N, C-alpha and C. Protein backbone atom coordinates (compact mmCIF):
# COMPACT_ATOMS: atom_id res chain seq x y z
N UNK A 1 58.06 134.31 179.88
CA UNK A 1 57.20 134.72 181.07
C UNK A 1 56.01 134.48 180.53
N UNK A 2 55.33 133.96 181.60
CA UNK A 2 53.52 132.85 181.06
C UNK A 2 52.73 133.98 180.63
N UNK A 3 52.31 133.55 179.22
CA UNK A 3 51.26 134.85 178.47
C UNK A 3 50.00 134.47 179.42
N UNK A 4 48.88 135.37 179.45
CA UNK A 4 47.75 135.40 180.45
C UNK A 4 46.98 134.59 178.95
N UNK A 5 46.14 133.81 179.46
CA UNK A 5 44.69 133.76 178.12
C UNK A 5 43.79 133.92 178.33
N UNK A 6 43.49 134.70 177.63
CA UNK A 6 42.26 135.78 177.39
C UNK A 6 40.92 135.21 175.95
N UNK A 7 39.84 135.34 175.86
CA UNK A 7 39.26 134.99 174.66
C UNK A 7 39.06 136.69 174.10
N UNK A 8 39.61 137.17 174.31
CA UNK A 8 39.42 138.77 174.09
C UNK A 8 40.86 138.98 172.56
N UNK A 9 40.86 137.83 172.02
CA UNK A 9 41.98 137.82 170.78
C UNK A 9 41.63 136.87 169.58
N UNK A 10 41.97 137.51 168.64
CA UNK A 10 41.28 137.01 167.16
C UNK A 10 41.61 135.60 167.06
N UNK A 11 43.41 135.08 167.57
CA UNK A 11 43.51 133.26 167.41
C UNK A 11 44.12 133.04 168.84
N UNK A 12 43.96 132.35 169.84
CA UNK A 12 43.80 132.42 170.67
C UNK A 12 45.93 131.43 170.83
N UNK A 13 46.51 132.27 171.31
CA UNK A 13 48.16 131.52 171.22
C UNK A 13 48.41 130.36 172.23
N UNK A 14 47.53 130.46 173.43
CA UNK A 14 47.67 129.26 174.08
C UNK A 14 47.20 128.04 174.10
N UNK A 15 48.46 126.89 174.21
CA UNK A 15 47.15 125.83 173.67
C UNK A 15 46.39 125.54 174.61
N UNK A 16 45.12 124.69 174.54
CA UNK A 16 44.03 124.53 175.55
C UNK A 16 44.53 123.66 176.61
N UNK A 17 44.39 123.63 177.22
CA UNK A 17 44.93 122.41 178.77
C UNK A 17 44.36 121.49 178.73
N UNK A 18 44.86 120.06 178.75
CA UNK A 18 44.08 118.63 178.63
C UNK A 18 43.10 118.75 179.81
N UNK A 19 42.14 117.57 178.98
CA UNK A 19 40.45 117.72 179.49
C UNK A 19 40.85 116.60 180.96
N UNK A 20 42.20 116.15 180.95
CA UNK A 20 42.34 115.44 182.41
C UNK A 20 42.54 116.36 183.25
N UNK A 21 43.78 117.40 182.85
CA UNK A 21 44.41 118.29 183.69
C UNK A 21 42.93 119.56 184.28
N UNK A 22 41.91 119.33 183.97
CA UNK A 22 41.02 120.47 184.03
C UNK A 22 39.88 119.54 184.80
N UNK A 23 39.92 118.13 184.37
CA UNK A 23 39.50 117.63 185.32
C UNK A 23 38.88 117.30 186.81
N UNK A 24 41.14 117.17 186.72
CA UNK A 24 41.17 116.53 188.27
C UNK A 24 41.21 118.26 189.00
N UNK A 25 41.32 119.28 188.51
CA UNK A 25 41.38 120.60 189.25
C UNK A 25 40.49 121.33 189.59
N UNK A 26 39.01 121.32 188.39
CA UNK A 26 37.81 121.96 188.10
C UNK A 26 36.94 120.46 188.53
N UNK A 27 36.13 120.74 189.76
CA UNK A 27 35.06 119.82 190.22
C UNK A 27 33.88 119.88 189.22
N UNK A 28 33.35 118.68 188.16
CA UNK A 28 32.50 118.32 187.63
C UNK A 28 32.77 119.04 185.90
N UNK A 29 34.18 119.20 186.00
CA UNK A 29 34.85 119.84 184.10
C UNK A 29 34.71 118.78 183.25
N UNK A 30 33.83 118.82 181.94
CA UNK A 30 33.69 117.83 181.40
C UNK A 30 32.50 117.10 181.11
N UNK A 31 31.38 117.62 181.72
CA UNK A 31 30.17 117.08 182.01
C UNK A 31 29.37 117.49 180.56
N UNK A 32 30.04 118.60 179.39
CA UNK A 32 29.56 118.85 178.17
C UNK A 32 30.49 118.42 177.31
N UNK A 33 31.26 117.51 177.37
CA UNK A 33 32.28 117.16 176.26
C UNK A 33 31.87 116.70 175.50
N UNK A 34 30.87 116.44 175.30
CA UNK A 34 29.83 115.78 174.02
C UNK A 34 29.60 116.96 173.13
N UNK A 35 30.12 116.52 171.88
CA UNK A 35 29.44 118.07 170.89
C UNK A 35 28.19 118.05 170.80
N UNK A 36 27.50 117.29 171.24
CA UNK A 36 25.95 116.85 170.14
C UNK A 36 25.23 117.91 171.60
N UNK A 37 25.45 118.48 173.05
CA UNK A 37 25.21 119.03 173.57
C UNK A 37 25.61 120.73 173.44
N UNK A 38 26.87 120.45 172.63
CA UNK A 38 27.10 121.59 172.70
C UNK A 38 26.58 122.47 171.36
N UNK A 39 25.94 123.29 171.22
CA UNK A 39 25.77 123.71 169.83
C UNK A 39 26.96 124.77 169.41
N UNK A 40 27.71 125.45 170.22
CA UNK A 40 28.67 125.94 170.03
C UNK A 40 29.94 125.65 169.27
N UNK A 41 30.16 123.93 169.56
CA UNK A 41 31.15 123.17 169.08
C UNK A 41 31.72 123.32 167.73
N UNK A 42 30.93 123.88 166.83
CA UNK A 42 31.28 124.23 165.55
C UNK A 42 32.47 125.19 165.41
N UNK A 43 32.39 126.13 165.89
CA UNK A 43 32.78 127.56 166.57
C UNK A 43 34.41 128.12 167.09
N UNK A 44 34.30 126.36 167.90
CA UNK A 44 35.76 126.07 168.76
C UNK A 44 36.35 125.68 168.55
N UNK A 45 36.23 125.19 166.87
CA UNK A 45 37.24 124.53 166.34
C UNK A 45 38.46 125.37 166.12
N UNK A 46 40.09 124.86 166.02
CA UNK A 46 40.78 125.79 165.55
C UNK A 46 40.67 126.04 163.57
N UNK A 47 41.76 127.15 163.94
CA UNK A 47 41.98 127.44 162.18
C UNK A 47 40.62 127.83 161.36
N UNK A 48 39.52 128.25 162.16
CA UNK A 48 38.14 128.57 161.97
C UNK A 48 38.55 129.87 161.08
N UNK A 49 38.16 130.48 159.83
CA UNK A 49 37.82 131.68 159.29
C UNK A 49 37.05 132.96 160.07
N UNK A 50 37.67 133.69 161.17
CA UNK A 50 36.68 134.32 161.56
C UNK A 50 36.41 136.00 161.17
N UNK A 51 37.29 136.17 161.04
CA UNK A 51 36.91 137.51 160.01
C UNK A 51 37.53 138.62 160.68
N UNK A 52 37.46 138.50 161.62
CA UNK A 52 38.36 140.08 162.53
C UNK A 52 39.60 140.37 161.95
N UNK A 53 39.80 141.36 162.11
CA UNK A 53 41.06 142.44 161.55
C UNK A 53 42.07 142.77 162.53
N UNK A 54 41.70 142.58 163.63
CA UNK A 54 42.49 143.04 164.81
C UNK A 54 43.65 141.45 165.66
N UNK A 55 44.93 142.03 166.35
CA UNK A 55 45.09 140.45 166.79
C UNK A 55 44.23 140.68 168.19
N UNK A 56 44.01 141.80 169.00
CA UNK A 56 43.23 142.80 170.14
C UNK A 56 42.67 143.57 169.83
N UNK A 57 41.29 143.59 170.37
CA UNK A 57 40.36 144.45 169.87
C UNK A 57 40.80 145.59 170.67
N UNK A 58 40.49 146.66 170.28
CA UNK A 58 41.20 148.37 171.09
C UNK A 58 40.42 148.76 172.24
N UNK A 59 41.04 149.02 173.25
CA UNK A 59 40.23 148.94 174.32
C UNK A 59 39.52 150.13 174.55
N UNK A 60 38.14 150.34 174.69
CA UNK A 60 37.46 151.33 175.75
C UNK A 60 37.66 152.12 176.81
N UNK A 61 38.10 153.75 176.56
CA UNK A 61 38.66 154.36 177.81
C UNK A 61 37.75 153.97 179.12
N UNK A 62 38.39 153.58 180.23
CA UNK A 62 37.99 153.22 181.38
C UNK A 62 37.54 155.14 181.72
N UNK A 63 36.67 155.61 181.67
CA UNK A 63 36.74 156.79 182.66
C UNK A 63 36.21 157.26 183.95
N UNK A 64 35.38 155.89 184.53
CA UNK A 64 35.27 155.84 185.90
C UNK A 64 35.86 154.27 186.00
N UNK A 65 35.60 153.57 187.31
CA UNK A 65 35.78 152.32 187.79
C UNK A 65 34.28 151.30 187.47
N UNK A 66 34.40 150.47 186.42
CA UNK A 66 33.78 149.65 185.98
C UNK A 66 33.78 148.10 186.67
N UNK A 67 32.37 147.78 187.12
CA UNK A 67 32.62 146.62 187.63
C UNK A 67 33.09 145.25 186.26
N UNK A 68 33.78 144.24 187.27
CA UNK A 68 34.50 143.38 186.34
C UNK A 68 34.61 142.17 187.39
N UNK A 69 33.75 141.56 185.88
CA UNK A 69 33.67 139.80 186.51
C UNK A 69 34.94 139.43 187.55
N UNK A 70 34.99 138.28 188.28
CA UNK A 70 35.68 137.80 188.85
C UNK A 70 36.42 136.72 188.27
N UNK A 71 35.31 136.45 186.72
CA UNK A 71 36.10 135.22 185.99
C UNK A 71 36.83 135.80 184.93
N UNK A 72 36.70 137.46 185.22
CA UNK A 72 37.46 137.75 184.11
C UNK A 72 39.16 138.30 184.17
N UNK A 73 39.63 138.08 184.03
CA UNK A 73 41.21 138.60 184.29
C UNK A 73 41.30 140.06 184.57
N UNK A 74 40.48 140.80 183.78
CA UNK A 74 40.45 141.98 183.64
C UNK A 74 39.01 142.65 182.79
N UNK A 75 38.73 143.99 183.06
CA UNK A 75 37.88 144.44 182.43
C UNK A 75 37.48 144.32 180.62
N UNK A 76 36.32 143.72 180.09
CA UNK A 76 36.46 143.05 178.78
C UNK A 76 36.65 145.00 178.31
N UNK A 77 37.24 144.46 176.68
CA UNK A 77 37.79 145.72 176.08
C UNK A 77 36.26 146.66 175.96
N UNK A 78 35.25 145.70 175.75
CA UNK A 78 33.89 147.02 175.16
C UNK A 78 32.78 146.97 176.32
N UNK A 79 32.58 147.78 176.96
CA UNK A 79 31.53 148.02 178.03
C UNK A 79 29.93 148.88 177.98
N UNK A 80 29.26 148.69 178.37
CA UNK A 80 28.26 149.87 178.80
C UNK A 80 28.31 151.08 179.47
N UNK A 81 28.22 152.14 179.16
CA UNK A 81 28.15 152.89 179.70
C UNK A 81 26.86 153.92 179.83
N UNK A 82 25.85 153.75 179.62
CA UNK A 82 24.85 154.38 179.68
C UNK A 82 24.48 154.66 180.91
N UNK A 83 24.40 153.63 182.21
CA UNK A 83 23.91 153.35 183.29
C UNK A 83 24.97 153.02 184.42
N UNK A 84 25.72 154.14 184.35
CA UNK A 84 27.07 154.35 185.35
C UNK A 84 26.60 154.05 187.13
N UNK A 85 27.15 153.66 187.47
CA UNK A 85 26.68 152.95 188.98
C UNK A 85 26.71 153.81 189.28
N UNK A 86 26.00 154.50 190.52
CA UNK A 86 25.73 155.35 191.40
C UNK A 86 24.52 155.16 192.56
N UNK A 87 25.07 156.32 194.07
CA UNK A 87 24.53 155.64 194.92
C UNK A 87 24.53 154.77 195.24
N UNK A 88 23.32 154.18 196.53
CA UNK A 88 22.83 152.99 196.56
C UNK A 88 23.11 151.88 196.38
N UNK A 89 22.33 152.03 194.77
CA UNK A 89 22.46 150.83 193.82
C UNK A 89 23.51 150.91 193.27
N UNK A 90 24.70 151.79 193.04
CA UNK A 90 25.38 151.67 193.08
C UNK A 90 26.34 150.65 193.13
N UNK A 91 26.59 150.97 194.53
CA UNK A 91 27.04 150.35 195.85
C UNK A 91 26.90 148.76 196.07
N UNK A 92 25.95 148.57 195.79
CA UNK A 92 24.85 147.28 196.02
C UNK A 92 25.34 146.38 194.50
N UNK A 93 25.34 147.15 193.10
CA UNK A 93 26.18 146.30 191.86
C UNK A 93 27.53 146.27 192.05
N UNK A 94 28.43 147.14 192.37
CA UNK A 94 29.89 146.52 192.87
C UNK A 94 29.84 145.62 194.04
N UNK A 95 29.68 145.82 195.08
CA UNK A 95 29.22 144.46 196.06
C UNK A 95 29.06 143.41 195.12
N UNK A 96 27.92 143.37 194.52
CA UNK A 96 27.99 142.04 193.75
C UNK A 96 28.57 141.51 192.72
N UNK A 97 29.60 141.69 192.27
CA UNK A 97 30.51 141.61 191.53
C UNK A 97 31.94 141.38 192.65
N UNK A 98 31.49 141.11 193.85
CA UNK A 98 32.58 140.39 194.26
C UNK A 98 32.38 138.94 194.47
N UNK A 99 31.09 138.49 193.96
CA UNK A 99 30.76 136.83 194.22
C UNK A 99 31.03 136.54 192.70
N UNK A 100 30.91 135.34 192.00
CA UNK A 100 30.99 134.58 191.26
C UNK A 100 29.62 134.84 189.71
N UNK A 101 29.80 134.63 189.03
CA UNK A 101 28.66 134.70 188.19
C UNK A 101 27.74 133.27 188.90
N UNK A 102 28.62 132.66 188.98
CA UNK A 102 27.73 131.15 189.54
C UNK A 102 27.13 131.22 190.66
N UNK A 103 27.35 132.46 191.09
CA UNK A 103 26.70 132.08 192.27
C UNK A 103 24.96 132.89 192.74
N UNK A 104 24.30 132.31 193.31
CA UNK A 104 23.13 133.06 193.53
C UNK A 104 23.30 134.29 194.04
N UNK A 105 24.00 134.56 194.44
CA UNK A 105 24.07 135.80 195.30
C UNK A 105 24.71 137.30 195.03
N UNK A 106 25.74 136.67 193.90
CA UNK A 106 25.29 137.80 192.16
C UNK A 106 25.15 138.00 191.99
N UNK A 107 23.71 137.51 191.31
CA UNK A 107 22.51 137.74 190.94
C UNK A 107 21.40 138.34 191.61
N UNK A 108 21.01 137.87 192.68
CA UNK A 108 19.96 138.16 193.66
C UNK A 108 20.56 139.55 194.03
N UNK A 109 21.96 140.06 194.49
CA UNK A 109 22.26 141.32 194.61
C UNK A 109 21.58 142.27 193.61
N UNK A 110 22.08 141.93 192.39
CA UNK A 110 22.06 143.08 191.22
C UNK A 110 20.79 143.16 190.78
N UNK A 111 19.83 141.96 191.15
CA UNK A 111 18.38 142.47 191.03
C UNK A 111 17.83 142.91 192.10
N UNK A 112 18.42 143.04 193.47
CA UNK A 112 18.07 144.15 194.36
C UNK A 112 18.23 144.92 194.22
N UNK A 113 19.29 145.61 193.53
CA UNK A 113 20.19 146.68 193.03
C UNK A 113 19.21 147.36 191.51
N UNK A 114 18.96 146.56 191.18
CA UNK A 114 18.00 147.07 189.94
C UNK A 114 16.49 147.94 191.03
N UNK A 115 15.77 146.98 191.68
CA UNK A 115 14.74 147.90 192.34
C UNK A 115 15.24 149.47 193.09
N UNK A 116 16.65 149.47 193.95
CA UNK A 116 16.90 150.64 194.75
C UNK A 116 17.11 151.24 193.85
N UNK A 117 17.59 151.07 192.32
CA UNK A 117 18.31 151.90 191.31
C UNK A 117 16.57 152.16 190.55
N UNK A 118 15.62 151.96 190.58
CA UNK A 118 14.52 152.38 190.22
C UNK A 118 13.93 153.29 191.04
N UNK A 119 14.22 153.00 192.54
CA UNK A 119 12.86 153.54 193.77
C UNK A 119 14.15 155.14 193.86
N UNK A 120 15.24 155.24 193.69
CA UNK A 120 16.16 156.43 193.72
C UNK A 120 15.09 156.99 192.37
N UNK A 121 15.18 156.82 191.71
CA UNK A 121 14.69 157.61 189.90
C UNK A 121 13.22 158.38 190.40
N UNK A 122 12.65 157.20 190.70
CA UNK A 122 11.31 157.65 191.84
C UNK A 122 11.04 158.99 192.55
N UNK A 123 12.39 158.92 193.15
CA UNK A 123 12.48 159.86 194.59
C UNK A 123 12.99 161.13 193.66
N UNK A 124 13.84 161.03 192.88
CA UNK A 124 14.93 162.06 192.56
C UNK A 124 13.37 162.90 190.96
N UNK A 125 12.22 161.57 190.52
CA UNK A 125 11.46 162.96 189.59
C UNK A 125 10.63 163.48 190.72
N UNK A 126 10.16 163.19 192.06
CA UNK A 126 9.49 164.17 192.83
C UNK A 126 9.94 165.34 193.17
N UNK A 127 11.63 165.61 192.70
CA UNK A 127 11.54 166.76 193.07
C UNK A 127 12.03 167.93 191.65
N UNK A 128 11.30 167.41 189.83
CA UNK A 128 11.05 167.98 189.19
C UNK A 128 10.06 168.52 188.83
N UNK A 129 9.68 169.24 187.62
CA UNK A 129 8.56 169.60 187.50
C UNK A 129 7.62 168.70 186.70
N UNK A 130 8.51 167.11 186.39
CA UNK A 130 7.19 166.92 186.12
C UNK A 130 8.10 164.57 186.41
N UNK A 131 7.74 164.51 187.48
CA UNK A 131 7.27 163.77 188.55
C UNK A 131 6.84 162.17 187.52
N UNK A 132 7.19 161.10 187.42
CA UNK A 132 7.21 160.09 187.27
C UNK A 132 5.29 159.93 187.56
N UNK A 133 4.39 159.57 187.04
CA UNK A 133 2.87 158.95 187.23
C UNK A 133 2.72 157.69 186.53
N UNK A 134 2.54 156.94 187.91
CA UNK A 134 2.42 155.57 187.77
C UNK A 134 1.06 154.84 187.34
N UNK A 135 0.64 155.74 187.09
CA UNK A 135 -0.97 155.24 186.57
C UNK A 135 -0.61 155.01 185.21
N UNK A 136 0.29 156.09 184.75
CA UNK A 136 0.22 156.17 182.46
C UNK A 136 1.49 155.44 182.40
N UNK A 137 2.62 155.46 183.21
CA UNK A 137 4.05 154.56 183.47
C UNK A 137 3.70 153.53 183.51
N UNK A 138 2.52 152.73 183.84
CA UNK A 138 3.09 151.91 184.22
C UNK A 138 2.14 150.53 183.62
N UNK A 139 1.59 151.15 182.84
CA UNK A 139 0.54 150.32 181.90
C UNK A 139 -0.70 149.82 182.48
N UNK A 140 -1.20 150.19 183.58
CA UNK A 140 -2.00 149.60 184.56
C UNK A 140 -3.47 150.21 184.10
N UNK A 141 -3.19 151.21 183.04
CA UNK A 141 -4.60 151.47 182.38
C UNK A 141 -5.07 150.10 181.12
N UNK A 142 -4.22 149.57 180.48
CA UNK A 142 -4.33 149.06 179.59
C UNK A 142 -4.78 147.26 180.00
N UNK A 143 -4.41 147.22 181.54
CA UNK A 143 -5.28 146.20 182.26
C UNK A 143 -7.04 146.29 181.45
N UNK A 144 -7.42 147.40 181.91
CA UNK A 144 -8.92 147.21 181.34
C UNK A 144 -9.24 147.31 180.35
N UNK A 145 -8.69 147.38 179.34
CA UNK A 145 -8.67 147.46 177.55
C UNK A 145 -8.78 146.17 176.87
N UNK A 146 -7.12 145.61 176.96
CA UNK A 146 -6.68 144.30 176.86
C UNK A 146 -7.23 142.54 177.06
N UNK A 147 -8.15 142.90 177.73
CA UNK A 147 -8.70 141.77 178.20
C UNK A 147 -8.39 140.67 179.09
N UNK A 148 -8.11 141.57 180.47
CA UNK A 148 -6.82 140.75 181.44
C UNK A 148 -6.77 139.54 181.53
N UNK A 149 -7.76 139.23 181.85
CA UNK A 149 -8.26 137.80 182.39
C UNK A 149 -8.15 136.25 180.87
N UNK A 150 -8.67 136.92 180.17
CA UNK A 150 -8.28 136.47 179.04
C UNK A 150 -6.97 135.99 178.46
N UNK A 151 -6.54 136.85 178.46
CA UNK A 151 -5.38 136.76 178.17
C UNK A 151 -3.78 136.41 178.62
N UNK A 152 -4.41 136.28 180.20
CA UNK A 152 -3.88 135.59 181.20
C UNK A 152 -3.87 133.80 181.71
N UNK A 153 -5.42 133.82 181.48
CA UNK A 153 -5.92 132.06 181.70
C UNK A 153 -5.99 131.35 180.56
N UNK A 154 -5.97 130.15 180.80
CA UNK A 154 -5.69 129.17 179.26
C UNK A 154 -5.23 129.25 178.22
N UNK A 155 -4.23 130.40 178.19
CA UNK A 155 -3.55 130.53 177.18
C UNK A 155 -1.90 129.77 177.49
N UNK A 156 -1.81 129.08 178.37
CA UNK A 156 -0.26 128.62 178.92
C UNK A 156 0.62 129.41 179.05
N UNK A 157 0.62 130.86 179.56
CA UNK A 157 1.55 131.57 180.01
C UNK A 157 2.51 130.95 181.08
N UNK A 158 3.49 131.27 181.20
CA UNK A 158 4.49 130.95 181.33
C UNK A 158 5.13 132.00 183.30
N UNK A 159 4.48 132.84 183.02
CA UNK A 159 4.14 134.02 183.82
C UNK A 159 3.26 134.19 184.83
N UNK A 160 2.11 133.14 184.56
CA UNK A 160 0.97 133.84 185.64
C UNK A 160 1.32 133.37 187.58
N UNK A 161 2.26 132.41 187.04
CA UNK A 161 2.54 132.15 188.50
C UNK A 161 3.24 133.27 189.33
N UNK A 162 3.60 133.98 189.02
CA UNK A 162 4.24 135.18 189.67
C UNK A 162 3.67 136.54 189.23
N UNK A 163 2.54 136.25 188.88
CA UNK A 163 1.78 137.98 188.39
C UNK A 163 1.38 138.23 189.94
N UNK A 164 0.69 137.44 190.94
CA UNK A 164 0.57 138.28 192.24
C UNK A 164 1.33 138.81 192.78
N UNK A 165 2.55 138.68 192.00
CA UNK A 165 3.43 139.79 193.49
C UNK A 165 3.50 141.14 192.09
N UNK A 166 3.44 140.80 190.79
CA UNK A 166 3.69 141.68 189.98
C UNK A 166 2.75 143.69 190.70
N UNK A 167 1.88 143.36 191.22
CA UNK A 167 1.06 144.71 191.40
C UNK A 167 1.92 144.74 193.26
N UNK A 168 2.74 144.25 193.45
CA UNK A 168 3.26 144.45 194.99
C UNK A 168 4.42 145.34 194.53
N UNK A 169 4.61 144.49 193.22
CA UNK A 169 6.70 145.51 192.86
C UNK A 169 6.33 146.27 192.69
N UNK A 170 5.30 146.80 191.55
CA UNK A 170 5.10 147.65 191.22
C UNK A 170 4.50 148.88 191.95
N UNK A 171 3.49 148.61 192.24
CA UNK A 171 2.42 149.27 193.37
C UNK A 171 2.74 149.86 194.61
N UNK A 172 3.75 148.71 195.12
CA UNK A 172 4.26 148.51 196.55
C UNK A 172 4.66 149.77 196.59
N UNK A 173 5.86 150.45 196.24
CA UNK A 173 7.14 151.35 196.50
C UNK A 173 6.40 152.77 196.83
N UNK A 174 5.43 152.96 195.57
CA UNK A 174 3.84 153.88 195.83
C UNK A 174 3.36 154.19 196.74
N UNK A 175 2.84 153.00 197.12
CA UNK A 175 2.24 152.99 198.36
C UNK A 175 2.86 153.68 199.43
N UNK A 176 3.57 152.83 199.64
CA UNK A 176 4.57 153.39 200.85
C UNK A 176 5.02 154.84 201.14
N UNK A 177 5.08 155.22 200.04
CA UNK A 177 5.96 156.56 199.76
C UNK A 177 4.39 157.39 200.20
N UNK A 178 3.39 156.91 199.46
CA UNK A 178 2.36 158.08 199.91
C UNK A 178 2.01 157.82 201.49
N UNK A 179 1.73 156.76 202.06
CA UNK A 179 1.41 156.78 203.39
C UNK A 179 2.70 157.27 204.05
N UNK A 180 3.77 157.40 203.48
CA UNK A 180 5.02 157.95 204.38
C UNK A 180 4.57 159.75 204.75
N UNK A 181 4.20 160.02 203.43
CA UNK A 181 3.90 161.82 203.17
C UNK A 181 3.10 161.35 203.79
N UNK A 182 1.57 161.07 204.09
CA UNK A 182 0.77 160.97 205.07
C UNK A 182 0.42 161.28 206.30
N UNK A 183 1.68 160.22 206.95
CA UNK A 183 2.08 160.31 207.97
C UNK A 183 2.86 161.52 208.57
N UNK A 184 3.82 161.68 207.64
CA UNK A 184 5.03 162.75 207.70
C UNK A 184 3.98 164.73 208.10
N UNK A 185 3.05 164.75 207.17
CA UNK A 185 1.83 165.55 207.50
C UNK A 185 1.48 165.48 208.42
N UNK A 186 0.71 164.55 208.82
CA UNK A 186 0.16 164.10 209.59
C UNK A 186 0.76 164.94 211.31
N UNK A 187 1.97 164.21 211.75
CA UNK A 187 2.86 164.59 212.58
C UNK A 187 3.48 166.08 212.23
N UNK A 188 3.69 166.78 211.02
CA UNK A 188 3.66 168.57 211.25
C UNK A 188 3.02 169.10 211.43
N UNK A 189 1.51 169.01 211.09
CA UNK A 189 0.33 169.38 211.47
C UNK A 189 0.03 169.53 212.83
N UNK A 190 0.14 168.52 213.44
CA UNK A 190 0.59 167.99 214.94
C UNK A 190 1.49 168.94 216.10
N UNK A 191 2.16 168.84 215.09
CA UNK A 191 3.31 169.90 215.59
C UNK A 191 2.97 171.07 215.68
N UNK A 192 2.16 171.59 215.28
CA UNK A 192 1.67 172.74 214.53
C UNK A 192 0.63 173.04 215.57
N UNK A 193 -0.04 172.51 215.88
CA UNK A 193 -1.11 172.71 216.70
C UNK A 193 -0.99 172.91 217.93
N UNK A 194 0.10 172.06 218.30
CA UNK A 194 0.24 171.72 219.91
C UNK A 194 0.71 172.65 220.35
N UNK A 195 1.64 174.09 219.88
CA UNK A 195 2.27 174.93 220.96
C UNK A 195 1.10 176.05 220.70
N UNK A 196 -0.35 175.70 220.33
CA UNK A 196 -1.47 176.75 220.53
C UNK A 196 -1.88 176.47 221.25
N UNK A 197 -2.18 174.81 221.20
CA UNK A 197 -3.11 174.48 222.69
C UNK A 197 -2.33 174.77 223.62
N UNK A 198 -0.85 174.37 223.93
CA UNK A 198 0.24 174.73 225.60
C UNK A 198 -0.07 176.47 225.72
N UNK A 199 -0.62 177.27 224.62
CA UNK A 199 -0.18 179.11 224.82
C UNK A 199 -1.25 178.48 225.63
N UNK A 200 -2.57 178.42 224.77
CA UNK A 200 -3.80 178.47 225.21
C UNK A 200 -4.03 178.33 226.46
N UNK A 201 -3.82 177.01 227.15
CA UNK A 201 -3.71 176.49 228.27
C UNK A 201 -3.23 177.79 229.49
N UNK A 202 -1.57 177.73 228.96
CA UNK A 202 -1.45 178.74 229.99
C UNK A 202 -1.93 180.04 230.27
N UNK A 203 -2.52 180.88 229.02
CA UNK A 203 -3.56 182.07 229.26
C UNK A 203 -4.65 181.67 230.26
N UNK A 204 -5.14 180.45 230.11
CA UNK A 204 -6.35 180.37 230.92
C UNK A 204 -5.85 179.89 232.56
N UNK A 205 -4.34 179.35 232.66
CA UNK A 205 -4.29 179.27 234.24
C UNK A 205 -3.69 180.85 234.28
N UNK A 206 -3.21 181.46 233.63
CA UNK A 206 -2.96 182.96 234.33
C UNK A 206 -3.61 184.03 234.38
N UNK A 207 -5.21 183.45 234.13
CA UNK A 207 -6.40 184.17 234.70
C UNK A 207 -7.19 183.90 235.66
């Protein structure tokens, strides 16, 4: 029976495939064959003492289905459990893992899931006694006390080209939520006053 190749063992038992075989099967394979282009090259040499006291690490229990990259034969032995996928953001994350890590769709969906997750938590906080405070928790007050202009320009910062988007990304959801609440309030108030107006008109007609 052919043994499944996996990186999660102390010493790889299966000999690597030849460069010619890989180059024939995978377009572009071997572009980084020169050891000078790969800082990790010394660790890839066989026979190096890794210090691992196991042949295969003990697998962490999977209490609920976790995302798995299509590049891996199975779920990694250890994985994070602090933020299990839930709600719409969890569905987006699970869908992102249908794509290879080499596809832009994989990472764009994960970024979108993070934004959706943040919005979900903001909405949940509104139903608690301590809702999120966008003024104190986003650090916007520090903009007025920590040299906002001087710290951004003339410092060769790499993030200045996308800083115009930061207010939209951070404040945009709060502004939209405020507009939505105001529109809902106006609609409810209008519906409450309309029956009174209709009843007054009917009373005048009867007179």
